[in-house]
Protein backbone atom coordinates (compact mmCIF):
# COMPACT_ATOMS: atom_id res chain seq x y z
CA UNK A 1 0.00 0.00 0.00
CA UNK A 2 1.12 3.54 -0.73
CA UNK A 3 1.08 4.61 2.91
CA UNK A 4 3.35 1.70 3.89
CA UNK A 5 6.28 2.79 1.71
CA UNK A 6 9.33 4.16 3.54
CA UNK A 7 13.09 4.33 3.06
CA UNK A 8 13.53 0.69 4.09
CA UNK A 9 11.09 -0.39 1.39
CA UNK A 10 13.83 0.25 -1.16
CA UNK A 11 16.55 -1.84 0.56
CA UNK A 12 15.90 -5.01 -1.48
CA UNK A 13 15.88 -2.95 -4.69
CA UNK A 14 19.20 -1.31 -3.70
CA UNK A 15 20.78 -4.69 -2.93
CA UNK A 16 19.55 -6.24 -6.17
CA UNK A 17 20.83 -3.36 -8.30
CA UNK A 18 24.19 -3.39 -6.47
CA UNK A 19 24.51 -7.13 -7.18
CA UNK A 20 23.86 -6.34 -10.86
CA UNK A 21 26.70 -3.82 -10.78
CA UNK A 22 24.50 -0.76 -11.25
CA UNK A 23 26.10 2.40 -9.88
CA UNK A 24 24.68 4.11 -6.80
CA UNK A 25 23.81 7.28 -8.72
CA UNK A 26 21.58 5.37 -11.12
CA UNK A 27 19.84 3.57 -8.27
CA UNK A 28 19.29 6.88 -6.46
CA UNK A 29 17.82 8.38 -9.62
CA UNK A 30 15.42 5.43 -9.98
CA UNK A 31 14.35 5.74 -6.35
CA UNK A 32 13.96 9.48 -6.91
CA UNK A 33 11.13 8.75 -9.36
CA UNK A 34 9.29 6.79 -6.68
CA UNK A 35 10.02 9.55 -4.15
CA UNK A 36 8.45 12.06 -6.50
CA UNK A 37 5.30 9.95 -6.74
CA UNK A 38 5.15 9.84 -2.93
CA UNK A 39 5.58 13.61 -2.79
CA UNK A 40 2.71 14.15 -5.22
CA UNK A 41 0.54 11.74 -3.20
CA UNK A 42 1.22 13.75 -0.05
CA UNK A 43 0.81 17.22 -1.53
CA UNK A 44 -1.27 17.24 -4.69
CA UNK A 45 -3.36 14.17 -5.36
CA UNK A 46 -6.61 14.13 -3.40
CA UNK A 47 -9.46 11.77 -2.69
CA UNK A 48 -12.58 12.95 -4.53
CA UNK A 49 -14.92 12.31 -1.60
CA UNK A 50 -12.94 13.68 1.34
CA UNK A 51 -10.62 16.11 -0.46
CA UNK A 52 -7.74 14.76 1.68
CA UNK A 53 -4.37 14.01 0.11
CA UNK A 54 -3.56 10.37 -0.48
CA UNK A 55 -0.77 10.49 2.12
CA UNK A 56 -0.67 12.47 5.35
CA UNK A 57 3.02 13.26 4.81
CA UNK A 58 5.89 12.46 2.47
CA UNK A 59 8.15 9.69 3.78
CA UNK A 60 11.81 10.62 4.12
CA UNK A 61 13.86 8.84 1.46
CA UNK A 62 17.65 8.93 1.86
CA UNK A 63 19.95 8.70 -1.09
CA UNK A 64 23.14 6.68 -0.80
CA UNK A 65 25.39 8.67 -3.09
CA UNK A 66 27.38 11.38 -1.37
CA UNK A 67 27.91 14.26 -3.73
CA UNK A 68 31.12 16.23 -3.73
CA UNK A 69 29.87 19.74 -4.17
CA UNK A 70 32.23 22.14 -5.84
CA UNK A 71 33.14 25.21 -3.87
CA UNK A 72 32.04 28.52 -5.36
CA UNK A 73 34.73 30.61 -7.03
CA UNK A 74 34.87 33.81 -9.05
CA UNK A 75 34.68 33.37 -12.82
CA UNK A 76 37.75 34.23 -14.79
CA UNK A 77 37.37 36.43 -17.88
CA UNK A 78 37.18 33.51 -20.31
CA UNK A 79 34.45 31.76 -18.28
CA UNK A 80 32.57 35.05 -18.00
CA UNK A 81 32.65 35.60 -21.79
CA UNK A 82 31.42 32.03 -22.35
CA UNK A 83 28.58 32.49 -19.85
CA UNK A 84 27.47 35.81 -21.33
CA UNK A 85 27.60 34.42 -24.87
CA UNK A 86 25.05 31.75 -23.87
CA UNK A 87 22.59 34.18 -22.28
CA UNK A 88 19.67 35.68 -24.17
CA UNK A 89 20.50 39.09 -25.65
CA UNK A 90 18.11 40.99 -23.36
CA UNK A 91 20.11 39.75 -20.37
PDB file of N, CA and C in Angstrom:
ATOM      1  N   UNK A   1       0.834  -1.177   0.000  1.00  0.00           N
ATOM      2  CA  UNK A   1       0.000   0.000   0.000  1.00  0.00           C
ATOM      3  C   UNK A   1       0.888   1.252   0.000  1.00  0.00           C
ATOM      4  N   UNK A   2       0.375   2.292  -0.587  1.00  0.00           N
ATOM      5  CA  UNK A   2       1.123   3.541  -0.728  1.00  0.00           C
ATOM      6  C   UNK A   2       1.586   4.108   0.614  1.00  0.00           C
ATOM      7  N   UNK A   3       0.727   4.031   1.616  1.00  0.00           N
ATOM      8  CA  UNK A   3       1.077   4.611   2.913  1.00  0.00           C
ATOM      9  C   UNK A   3       2.027   3.732   3.736  1.00  0.00           C
ATOM     10  N   UNK A   4       2.409   2.582   3.209  1.00  0.00           N
ATOM     11  CA  UNK A   4       3.352   1.698   3.888  1.00  0.00           C
ATOM     12  C   UNK A   4       4.756   1.794   3.324  1.00  0.00           C
ATOM     13  N   UNK A   5       4.957   2.642   2.332  1.00  0.00           N
ATOM     14  CA  UNK A   5       6.280   2.790   1.713  1.00  0.00           C
ATOM     15  C   UNK A   5       7.118   3.741   2.555  1.00  0.00           C
ATOM     16  N   UNK A   6       8.367   3.344   2.790  1.00  0.00           N
ATOM     17  CA  UNK A   6       9.328   4.157   3.539  1.00  0.00           C
ATOM     18  C   UNK A   6      10.716   3.870   2.990  1.00  0.00           C
ATOM     19  N   UNK A   7      11.731   4.479   3.569  1.00  0.00           N
ATOM     20  CA  UNK A   7      13.091   4.328   3.055  1.00  0.00           C
ATOM     21  C   UNK A   7      13.518   2.860   3.016  1.00  0.00           C
ATOM     22  N   UNK A   8      13.164   2.108   4.040  1.00  0.00           N
ATOM     23  CA  UNK A   8      13.532   0.692   4.092  1.00  0.00           C
ATOM     24  C   UNK A   8      12.867  -0.148   3.016  1.00  0.00           C
ATOM     25  N   UNK A   9      11.784   0.339   2.456  1.00  0.00           N
ATOM     26  CA  UNK A   9      11.087  -0.387   1.392  1.00  0.00           C
ATOM     27  C   UNK A   9      11.975  -0.566   0.164  1.00  0.00           C
ATOM     28  N   UNK A  10      12.969   0.286   0.018  1.00  0.00           N
ATOM     29  CA  UNK A  10      13.830   0.248  -1.160  1.00  0.00           C
ATOM     30  C   UNK A  10      15.111  -0.559  -0.940  1.00  0.00           C
ATOM     31  N   UNK A  11      15.308  -1.124   0.257  1.00  0.00           N
ATOM     32  CA  UNK A  11      16.553  -1.842   0.556  1.00  0.00           C
ATOM     33  C   UNK A  11      16.778  -3.035  -0.377  1.00  0.00           C
ATOM     34  N   UNK A  12      15.750  -3.837  -0.601  1.00  0.00           N
ATOM     35  CA  UNK A  12      15.899  -5.007  -1.478  1.00  0.00           C
ATOM     36  C   UNK A  12      16.238  -4.562  -2.904  1.00  0.00           C
ATOM     37  N   UNK A  13      15.594  -3.484  -3.356  1.00  0.00           N
ATOM     38  CA  UNK A  13      15.882  -2.946  -4.687  1.00  0.00           C
ATOM     39  C   UNK A  13      17.335  -2.488  -4.764  1.00  0.00           C
ATOM     40  N   UNK A  14      17.803  -1.777  -3.731  1.00  0.00           N
ATOM     41  CA  UNK A  14      19.199  -1.314  -3.702  1.00  0.00           C
ATOM     42  C   UNK A  14      20.176  -2.482  -3.756  1.00  0.00           C
ATOM     43  N   UNK A  15      19.894  -3.522  -2.961  1.00  0.00           N
ATOM     44  CA  UNK A  15      20.780  -4.689  -2.928  1.00  0.00           C
ATOM     45  C   UNK A  15      20.798  -5.414  -4.269  1.00  0.00           C
ATOM     46  N   UNK A  16      19.645  -5.563  -4.880  1.00  0.00           N
ATOM     47  CA  UNK A  16      19.552  -6.237  -6.174  1.00  0.00           C
ATOM     48  C   UNK A  16      20.341  -5.480  -7.238  1.00  0.00           C
ATOM     49  N   UNK A  17      20.136  -4.169  -7.298  1.00  0.00           N
ATOM     50  CA  UNK A  17      20.831  -3.359  -8.301  1.00  0.00           C
ATOM     51  C   UNK A  17      22.340  -3.342  -8.058  1.00  0.00           C
ATOM     52  N   UNK A  18      22.760  -3.335  -6.785  1.00  0.00           N
ATOM     53  CA  UNK A  18      24.189  -3.388  -6.466  1.00  0.00           C
ATOM     54  C   UNK A  18      24.786  -4.714  -6.929  1.00  0.00           C
ATOM     55  N   UNK A  19      24.044  -5.807  -6.736  1.00  0.00           N
ATOM     56  CA  UNK A  19      24.505  -7.126  -7.184  1.00  0.00           C
ATOM     57  C   UNK A  19      24.626  -7.181  -8.702  1.00  0.00           C
ATOM     58  N   UNK A  20      23.799  -6.405  -9.395  1.00  0.00           N
ATOM     59  CA  UNK A  20      23.857  -6.344 -10.860  1.00  0.00           C
ATOM     60  C   UNK A  20      24.965  -5.421 -11.341  1.00  0.00           C
ATOM     61  N   UNK A  21      25.614  -4.721 -10.412  1.00  0.00           N
ATOM     62  CA  UNK A  21      26.702  -3.816 -10.778  1.00  0.00           C
ATOM     63  C   UNK A  21      26.244  -2.435 -11.205  1.00  0.00           C
ATOM     64  N   UNK A  22      25.026  -2.073 -10.885  1.00  0.00           N
ATOM     65  CA  UNK A  22      24.500  -0.760 -11.248  1.00  0.00           C
ATOM     66  C   UNK A  22      25.041   0.264 -10.255  1.00  0.00           C
ATOM     67  N   UNK A  23      25.489   1.399 -10.752  1.00  0.00           N
ATOM     68  CA  UNK A  23      26.101   2.403  -9.882  1.00  0.00           C
ATOM     69  C   UNK A  23      25.065   3.048  -8.965  1.00  0.00           C
ATOM     70  N   UNK A  24      25.540   3.539  -7.841  1.00  0.00           N
ATOM     71  CA  UNK A  24      24.678   4.112  -6.805  1.00  0.00           C
ATOM     72  C   UNK A  24      23.884   5.297  -7.335  1.00  0.00           C
ATOM     73  N   UNK A  25      24.502   6.119  -8.174  1.00  0.00           N
ATOM     74  CA  UNK A  25      23.809   7.282  -8.718  1.00  0.00           C
ATOM     75  C   UNK A  25      22.592   6.902  -9.543  1.00  0.00           C
ATOM     76  N   UNK A  26      22.700   5.838 -10.315  1.00  0.00           N
ATOM     77  CA  UNK A  26      21.575   5.368 -11.124  1.00  0.00           C
ATOM     78  C   UNK A  26      20.457   4.835 -10.229  1.00  0.00           C
ATOM     79  N   UNK A  27      20.827   4.104  -9.204  1.00  0.00           N
ATOM     80  CA  UNK A  27      19.839   3.566  -8.266  1.00  0.00           C
ATOM     81  C   UNK A  27      19.127   4.722  -7.561  1.00  0.00           C
ATOM     82  N   UNK A  28      19.891   5.713  -7.112  1.00  0.00           N
ATOM     83  CA  UNK A  28      19.292   6.881  -6.462  1.00  0.00           C
ATOM     84  C   UNK A  28      18.333   7.608  -7.390  1.00  0.00           C
ATOM     85  N   UNK A  29      18.695   7.705  -8.650  1.00  0.00           N
ATOM     86  CA  UNK A  29      17.822   8.379  -9.619  1.00  0.00           C
ATOM     87  C   UNK A  29      16.529   7.591  -9.805  1.00  0.00           C
ATOM     88  N   UNK A  30      16.617   6.265  -9.856  1.00  0.00           N
ATOM     89  CA  UNK A  30      15.418   5.429  -9.982  1.00  0.00           C
ATOM     90  C   UNK A  30      14.521   5.580  -8.754  1.00  0.00           C
ATOM     91  N   UNK A  31      15.111   5.575  -7.583  1.00  0.00           N
ATOM     92  CA  UNK A  31      14.352   5.738  -6.346  1.00  0.00           C
ATOM     93  C   UNK A  31      13.761   7.145  -6.284  1.00  0.00           C
ATOM     94  N   UNK A  32      14.454   8.105  -6.867  1.00  0.00           N
ATOM     95  CA  UNK A  32      13.955   9.475  -6.907  1.00  0.00           C
ATOM     96  C   UNK A  32      12.626   9.585  -7.638  1.00  0.00           C
ATOM     97  N   UNK A  33      12.418   8.756  -8.636  1.00  0.00           N
ATOM     98  CA  UNK A  33      11.135   8.750  -9.356  1.00  0.00           C
ATOM     99  C   UNK A  33      10.017   8.311  -8.410  1.00  0.00           C
ATOM    100  N   UNK A  34      10.286   7.252  -7.647  1.00  0.00           N
ATOM    101  CA  UNK A  34       9.292   6.788  -6.678  1.00  0.00           C
ATOM    102  C   UNK A  34       9.075   7.834  -5.591  1.00  0.00           C
ATOM    103  N   UNK A  35      10.135   8.501  -5.169  1.00  0.00           N
ATOM    104  CA  UNK A  35      10.024   9.547  -4.145  1.00  0.00           C
ATOM    105  C   UNK A  35       9.167  10.696  -4.647  1.00  0.00           C
ATOM    106  N   UNK A  36       9.279  10.993  -5.918  1.00  0.00           N
ATOM    107  CA  UNK A  36       8.453  12.057  -6.501  1.00  0.00           C
ATOM    108  C   UNK A  36       6.980  11.675  -6.490  1.00  0.00           C
ATOM    109  N   UNK A  37       6.679  10.425  -6.784  1.00  0.00           N
ATOM    110  CA  UNK A  37       5.297   9.953  -6.741  1.00  0.00           C
ATOM    111  C   UNK A  37       4.758  10.082  -5.314  1.00  0.00           C
ATOM    112  N   UNK A  38       5.566   9.712  -4.326  1.00  0.00           N
ATOM    113  CA  UNK A  38       5.152   9.837  -2.927  1.00  0.00           C
ATOM    114  C   UNK A  38       4.913  11.295  -2.551  1.00  0.00           C
ATOM    115  N   UNK A  39       5.751  12.181  -3.062  1.00  0.00           N
ATOM    116  CA  UNK A  39       5.579  13.609  -2.790  1.00  0.00           C
ATOM    117  C   UNK A  39       4.261  14.128  -3.379  1.00  0.00           C
ATOM    118  N   UNK A  40       3.963  13.738  -4.597  1.00  0.00           N
ATOM    119  CA  UNK A  40       2.708  14.147  -5.221  1.00  0.00           C
ATOM    120  C   UNK A  40       1.511  13.591  -4.436  1.00  0.00           C
ATOM    121  N   UNK A  41       1.630  12.361  -3.957  1.00  0.00           N
ATOM    122  CA  UNK A  41       0.542  11.743  -3.202  1.00  0.00           C
ATOM    123  C   UNK A  41       0.305  12.464  -1.878  1.00  0.00           C
ATOM    124  N   UNK A  42       1.358  13.053  -1.327  1.00  0.00           N
ATOM    125  CA  UNK A  42       1.221  13.752  -0.047  1.00  0.00           C
ATOM    126  C   UNK A  42       0.829  15.216  -0.209  1.00  0.00           C
ATOM    127  N   UNK A  43       1.047  15.791  -1.371  1.00  0.00           N
ATOM    128  CA  UNK A  43       0.809  17.221  -1.526  1.00  0.00           C
ATOM    129  C   UNK A  43      -0.291  17.578  -2.521  1.00  0.00           C
ATOM    130  N   UNK A  44      -0.416  16.807  -3.590  1.00  0.00           N
ATOM    131  CA  UNK A  44      -1.270  17.242  -4.691  1.00  0.00           C
ATOM    132  C   UNK A  44      -2.494  16.354  -4.901  1.00  0.00           C
ATOM    133  N   UNK A  45      -2.271  15.062  -5.013  1.00  0.00           N
ATOM    134  CA  UNK A  45      -3.361  14.165  -5.360  1.00  0.00           C
ATOM    135  C   UNK A  45      -4.319  14.007  -4.182  1.00  0.00           C
ATOM    136  N   UNK A  46      -5.610  14.134  -4.466  1.00  0.00           N
ATOM    137  CA  UNK A  46      -6.611  14.127  -3.397  1.00  0.00           C
ATOM    138  C   UNK A  46      -7.723  13.127  -3.681  1.00  0.00           C
ATOM    139  N   UNK A  47      -8.289  12.638  -2.613  1.00  0.00           N
ATOM    140  CA  UNK A  47      -9.461  11.768  -2.688  1.00  0.00           C
ATOM    141  C   UNK A  47     -10.657  12.626  -3.090  1.00  0.00           C
ATOM    142  N   UNK A  48     -11.450  12.162  -4.031  1.00  0.00           N
ATOM    143  CA  UNK A  48     -12.580  12.946  -4.531  1.00  0.00           C
ATOM    144  C   UNK A  48     -13.663  13.168  -3.474  1.00  0.00           C
ATOM    145  N   UNK A  49     -13.853  12.206  -2.589  1.00  0.00           N
ATOM    146  CA  UNK A  49     -14.924  12.306  -1.597  1.00  0.00           C
ATOM    147  C   UNK A  49     -14.540  13.170  -0.399  1.00  0.00           C
ATOM    148  N   UNK A  50     -13.332  12.987   0.106  1.00  0.00           N
ATOM    149  CA  UNK A  50     -12.935  13.678   1.343  1.00  0.00           C
ATOM    150  C   UNK A  50     -12.084  14.909   1.102  1.00  0.00           C
ATOM    151  N   UNK A  51     -11.533  15.029  -0.095  1.00  0.00           N
ATOM    152  CA  UNK A  51     -10.616  16.108  -0.456  1.00  0.00           C
ATOM    153  C   UNK A  51      -9.303  16.064   0.343  1.00  0.00           C
ATOM    154  N   UNK A  52      -9.015  14.930   0.975  1.00  0.00           N
ATOM    155  CA  UNK A  52      -7.740  14.755   1.683  1.00  0.00           C
ATOM    156  C   UNK A  52      -6.700  14.209   0.714  1.00  0.00           C
ATOM    157  N   UNK A  53      -5.438  14.564   0.952  1.00  0.00           N
ATOM    158  CA  UNK A  53      -4.374  14.015   0.111  1.00  0.00           C
ATOM    159  C   UNK A  53      -4.256  12.520   0.372  1.00  0.00           C
ATOM    160  N   UNK A  54      -3.674  11.817  -0.579  1.00  0.00           N
ATOM    161  CA  UNK A  54      -3.559  10.368  -0.483  1.00  0.00           C
ATOM    162  C   UNK A  54      -2.675   9.949   0.692  1.00  0.00           C
ATOM    163  N   UNK A  55      -1.654  10.752   0.988  1.00  0.00           N
ATOM    164  CA  UNK A  55      -0.774  10.487   2.123  1.00  0.00           C
ATOM    165  C   UNK A  55      -0.810  11.673   3.078  1.00  0.00           C
ATOM    166  N   UNK A  56      -0.686  11.393   4.367  1.00  0.00           N
ATOM    167  CA  UNK A  56      -0.674  12.470   5.354  1.00  0.00           C
ATOM    168  C   UNK A  56       0.625  13.267   5.269  1.00  0.00           C
ATOM    169  N   UNK A  57       1.739  12.589   4.960  1.00  0.00           N
ATOM    170  CA  UNK A  57       3.020  13.255   4.809  1.00  0.00           C
ATOM    171  C   UNK A  57       3.916  12.448   3.880  1.00  0.00           C
ATOM    172  N   UNK A  58       4.936  13.115   3.361  1.00  0.00           N
ATOM    173  CA  UNK A  58       5.885  12.458   2.472  1.00  0.00           C
ATOM    174  C   UNK A  58       6.909  11.699   3.307  1.00  0.00           C
ATOM    175  N   UNK A  59       7.115  10.413   3.039  1.00  0.00           N
ATOM    176  CA  UNK A  59       8.148   9.691   3.781  1.00  0.00           C
ATOM    177  C   UNK A  59       9.541  10.191   3.393  1.00  0.00           C
ATOM    178  N   UNK A  60      10.443  10.183   4.356  1.00  0.00           N
ATOM    179  CA  UNK A  60      11.813  10.625   4.116  1.00  0.00           C
ATOM    180  C   UNK A  60      12.569   9.502   3.407  1.00  0.00           C
ATOM    181  N   UNK A  61      13.080   9.802   2.234  1.00  0.00           N
ATOM    182  CA  UNK A  61      13.859   8.844   1.455  1.00  0.00           C
ATOM    183  C   UNK A  61      15.298   9.351   1.417  1.00  0.00           C
ATOM    184  N   UNK A  62      16.237   8.528   1.874  1.00  0.00           N
ATOM    185  CA  UNK A  62      17.646   8.928   1.856  1.00  0.00           C
ATOM    186  C   UNK A  62      18.321   8.344   0.622  1.00  0.00           C
ATOM    187  N   UNK A  63      19.180   9.138   0.058  1.00  0.00           N
ATOM    188  CA  UNK A  63      19.945   8.702  -1.095  1.00  0.00           C
ATOM    189  C   UNK A  63      21.319   8.277  -0.622  1.00  0.00           C
ATOM    190  N   UNK A  64      21.877   7.266  -1.261  1.00  0.00           N
ATOM    191  CA  UNK A  64      23.137   6.675  -0.802  1.00  0.00           C
ATOM    192  C   UNK A  64      24.369   7.406  -1.328  1.00  0.00           C
ATOM    193  N   UNK A  65      24.221   8.019  -2.491  1.00  0.00           N
ATOM    194  CA  UNK A  65      25.389   8.674  -3.089  1.00  0.00           C
ATOM    195  C   UNK A  65      25.690   9.970  -2.354  1.00  0.00           C
ATOM    196  N   UNK A  66      26.936  10.142  -2.019  1.00  0.00           N
ATOM    197  CA  UNK A  66      27.381  11.378  -1.373  1.00  0.00           C
ATOM    198  C   UNK A  66      28.023  12.242  -2.454  1.00  0.00           C
ATOM    199  N   UNK A  67      27.439  13.389  -2.668  1.00  0.00           N
ATOM    200  CA  UNK A  67      27.910  14.265  -3.727  1.00  0.00           C
ATOM    201  C   UNK A  67      29.039  15.154  -3.218  1.00  0.00           C
ATOM    202  N   UNK A  68      30.042  15.311  -4.029  1.00  0.00           N
ATOM    203  CA  UNK A  68      31.125  16.232  -3.727  1.00  0.00           C
ATOM    204  C   UNK A  68      30.793  17.552  -4.389  1.00  0.00           C
ATOM    205  N   UNK A  69      30.256  18.457  -3.607  1.00  0.00           N
ATOM    206  CA  UNK A  69      29.873  19.744  -4.168  1.00  0.00           C
ATOM    207  C   UNK A  69      31.113  20.586  -4.406  1.00  0.00           C
ATOM    208  N   UNK A  70      31.125  21.239  -5.552  1.00  0.00           N
ATOM    209  CA  UNK A  70      32.234  22.141  -5.841  1.00  0.00           C
ATOM    210  C   UNK A  70      32.073  23.424  -5.047  1.00  0.00           C
ATOM    211  N   UNK A  71      33.166  23.944  -4.583  1.00  0.00           N
ATOM    212  CA  UNK A  71      33.138  25.211  -3.868  1.00  0.00           C
ATOM    213  C   UNK A  71      32.937  26.347  -4.862  1.00  0.00           C
ATOM    214  N   UNK A  72      32.216  27.378  -4.466  1.00  0.00           N
ATOM    215  CA  UNK A  72      32.044  28.521  -5.363  1.00  0.00           C
ATOM    216  C   UNK A  72      33.370  29.250  -5.566  1.00  0.00           C
ATOM    217  N   UNK A  73      33.517  29.848  -6.731  1.00  0.00           N
ATOM    218  CA  UNK A  73      34.733  30.607  -7.034  1.00  0.00           C
ATOM    219  C   UNK A  73      34.384  31.697  -8.036  1.00  0.00           C
ATOM    220  N   UNK A  74      35.157  32.760  -8.062  1.00  0.00           N
ATOM    221  CA  UNK A  74      34.869  33.806  -9.049  1.00  0.00           C
ATOM    222  C   UNK A  74      35.225  33.326 -10.457  1.00  0.00           C
ATOM    223  N   UNK A  75      34.407  33.733 -11.427  1.00  0.00           N
ATOM    224  CA  UNK A  75      34.677  33.372 -12.821  1.00  0.00           C
ATOM    225  C   UNK A  75      35.867  34.153 -13.337  1.00  0.00           C
ATOM    226  N   UNK A  76      36.696  33.465 -14.122  1.00  0.00           N
ATOM    227  CA  UNK A  76      37.752  34.227 -14.792  1.00  0.00           C
ATOM    228  C   UNK A  76      37.138  34.859 -16.040  1.00  0.00           C
ATOM    229  N   UNK A  77      37.915  35.685 -16.736  1.00  0.00           N
ATOM    230  CA  UNK A  77      37.374  36.434 -17.878  1.00  0.00           C
ATOM    231  C   UNK A  77      36.878  35.517 -18.987  1.00  0.00           C
ATOM    232  N   UNK A  78      37.593  34.435 -19.246  1.00  0.00           N
ATOM    233  CA  UNK A  78      37.180  33.512 -20.309  1.00  0.00           C
ATOM    234  C   UNK A  78      35.850  32.836 -19.942  1.00  0.00           C
ATOM    235  N   UNK A  79      35.696  32.380 -18.701  1.00  0.00           N
ATOM    236  CA  UNK A  79      34.446  31.765 -18.278  1.00  0.00           C
ATOM    237  C   UNK A  79      33.291  32.772 -18.317  1.00  0.00           C
ATOM    238  N   UNK A  80      33.589  34.005 -17.975  1.00  0.00           N
ATOM    239  CA  UNK A  80      32.570  35.053 -17.999  1.00  0.00           C
ATOM    240  C   UNK A  80      32.095  35.309 -19.425  1.00  0.00           C
ATOM    241  N   UNK A  81      33.030  35.389 -20.381  1.00  0.00           N
ATOM    242  CA  UNK A  81      32.651  35.595 -21.786  1.00  0.00           C
ATOM    243  C   UNK A  81      31.800  34.436 -22.296  1.00  0.00           C
ATOM    244  N   UNK A  82      32.183  33.212 -21.930  1.00  0.00           N
ATOM    245  CA  UNK A  82      31.419  32.033 -22.350  1.00  0.00           C
ATOM    246  C   UNK A  82      30.002  32.078 -21.764  1.00  0.00           C
ATOM    247  N   UNK A  83      29.891  32.399 -20.494  1.00  0.00           N
ATOM    248  CA  UNK A  83      28.580  32.495 -19.852  1.00  0.00           C
ATOM    249  C   UNK A  83      27.715  33.542 -20.532  1.00  0.00           C
ATOM    250  N   UNK A  84      28.251  34.725 -20.735  1.00  0.00           N
ATOM    251  CA  UNK A  84      27.467  35.807 -21.329  1.00  0.00           C
ATOM    252  C   UNK A  84      27.083  35.498 -22.772  1.00  0.00           C
ATOM    253  N   UNK A  85      27.914  34.768 -23.471  1.00  0.00           N
ATOM    254  CA  UNK A  85      27.597  34.423 -24.868  1.00  0.00           C
ATOM    255  C   UNK A  85      26.416  33.451 -24.938  1.00  0.00           C
ATOM    256  N   UNK A  86      26.152  32.714 -23.889  1.00  0.00           N
ATOM    257  CA  UNK A  86      25.054  31.751 -23.873  1.00  0.00           C
ATOM    258  C   UNK A  86      23.735  32.375 -23.402  1.00  0.00           C
ATOM    259  N   UNK A  87      23.795  33.539 -22.790  1.00  0.00           N
ATOM    260  CA  UNK A  87      22.592  34.183 -22.282  1.00  0.00           C
ATOM    261  C   UNK A  87      21.790  34.825 -23.422  1.00  0.00           C
ATOM    262  N   UNK A  88      20.503  34.976 -23.196  1.00  0.00           N
ATOM    263  CA  UNK A  88      19.666  35.682 -24.173  1.00  0.00           C
ATOM    264  C   UNK A  88      20.130  37.119 -24.263  1.00  0.00           C
ATOM    265  N   UNK A  89      19.958  37.742 -25.413  1.00  0.00           N
ATOM    266  CA  UNK A  89      20.498  39.092 -25.646  1.00  0.00           C
ATOM    267  C   UNK A  89      19.921  40.130 -24.695  1.00  0.00           C
ATOM    268  N   UNK A  90      18.688  39.995 -24.266  1.00  0.00           N
ATOM    269  CA  UNK A  90      18.107  40.994 -23.358  1.00  0.00           C
ATOM    270  C   UNK A  90      18.720  40.925 -21.958  1.00  0.00           C
ATOM    271  N   UNK A  91      19.471  39.866 -21.671  1.00  0.00           N
ATOM    272  CA  UNK A  91      20.108  39.749 -20.371  1.00  0.00           C
ATOM    273  C   UNK A  91      21.530  40.294 -20.425  1.00  0.00           C
TER     274      UNK A  91
END
